[in-house]
Protein backbone atom coordinates (compact mmCIF):
# COMPACT_ATOMS: atom_id res chain seq x y z
CA MET A 1 57.21 56.18 90.38
CA LEU A 2 56.72 54.49 94.24
CA GLU A 3 55.07 56.34 96.77
CA ALA A 4 55.09 55.52 100.41
CA ILE A 5 51.86 54.53 101.36
CA GLY A 6 50.64 56.68 104.08
CA GLU A 7 49.12 60.23 103.26
CA ARG A 8 50.21 61.62 106.78
CA ALA A 9 52.36 60.96 109.69
CA THR A 10 51.14 58.61 111.86
CA PRO A 11 52.89 58.92 115.26
CA PRO A 12 52.56 55.58 117.60
CA PHE A 13 51.26 58.09 120.23
CA GLU A 14 48.99 61.22 120.19
CA GLY A 15 50.30 64.11 121.69
CA GLU A 16 53.84 64.19 123.13
CA CYS A 17 55.01 61.00 125.19
CA CYS A 18 57.95 59.79 127.15
CA GLY A 19 60.04 62.82 126.46
CA ILE A 20 59.34 62.82 122.21
CA LYS A 21 57.95 66.23 120.79
CA LEU A 22 56.22 66.40 117.93
CA THR A 23 55.74 69.65 115.57
CA LYS A 24 52.69 71.06 114.86
CA TRP A 25 52.50 68.80 111.91
CA ASN A 26 52.07 65.35 113.75
CA THR A 27 55.65 64.84 112.72
CA ILE A 28 58.20 63.36 115.27
CA VAL A 29 61.02 66.21 116.40
CA VAL A 30 64.60 64.90 115.89
CA ASN A 31 68.15 66.06 115.58
CA LYS A 32 70.41 66.03 112.67
CA ASP A 33 71.27 62.01 113.85
CA LEU A 34 67.34 61.58 113.96
CA MET A 35 67.47 61.40 117.59
CA THR A 36 64.32 62.24 119.39
CA ASP A 37 64.60 64.16 122.16
CA ARG A 38 64.39 61.32 124.42
CA LYS A 39 68.07 59.69 124.75
CA GLY A 40 68.54 56.67 122.69
CA VAL A 41 65.20 56.85 120.76
CA PHE A 42 65.40 57.34 117.18
CA ALA A 43 62.77 58.22 114.14
CA ALA A 44 62.85 58.19 110.69
CA GLY A 45 60.54 58.37 107.52
CA ASP A 46 57.36 60.03 107.27
CA VAL A 47 56.51 60.32 110.72
CA VAL A 48 59.69 62.44 110.64
CA HIS A 49 60.05 64.38 106.93
CA GLY A 50 55.68 63.67 106.62
CA PRO A 51 54.49 62.18 103.43
CA SER A 52 56.88 61.58 100.95
CA GLN A 53 58.28 59.21 98.09
CA LEU A 54 59.63 55.95 99.02
CA GLY A 55 62.91 56.90 98.39
CA PRO A 56 63.42 59.56 101.00
CA ALA A 57 61.81 57.43 103.46
CA LEU A 58 64.01 54.54 103.12
CA LYS A 59 66.85 56.87 102.90
CA SER A 60 65.58 58.13 106.32
CA GLY A 61 65.45 54.72 107.73
CA MET A 62 69.21 54.00 106.29
CA ASP A 63 70.66 57.39 108.21
CA ALA A 64 68.62 56.14 111.19
CA ALA A 65 70.29 52.85 111.11
CA ASN A 66 73.83 54.23 110.63
CA ALA A 67 73.08 56.91 113.85
CA ILE A 68 71.95 54.43 116.01
CA ILE A 69 75.08 51.88 115.48
CA ARG A 70 77.36 54.77 115.98
CA TYR A 71 75.27 55.84 118.90
CA LEU A 72 75.36 52.43 120.51
CA SER A 73 79.34 52.57 119.64
CA GLN A 74 80.00 54.95 121.74
CA HIS A 75 77.75 53.70 125.02
């Protein structure tokens, strides 16, 4: 079994920054398309869902990539 390396979510900032909100578990808040509260900024993987196995983190990244493609094609 493969697991992601991190044992806790490590967003690139502390607290809220630039219109991006964090949960009480220090993960980034995203909508169903993995976009943060800041329009055009997406997040995926452990920083959104917390520590997990590698598979869910990879799927989250692929889902975010597809959401970014959809977003860019509409703007």
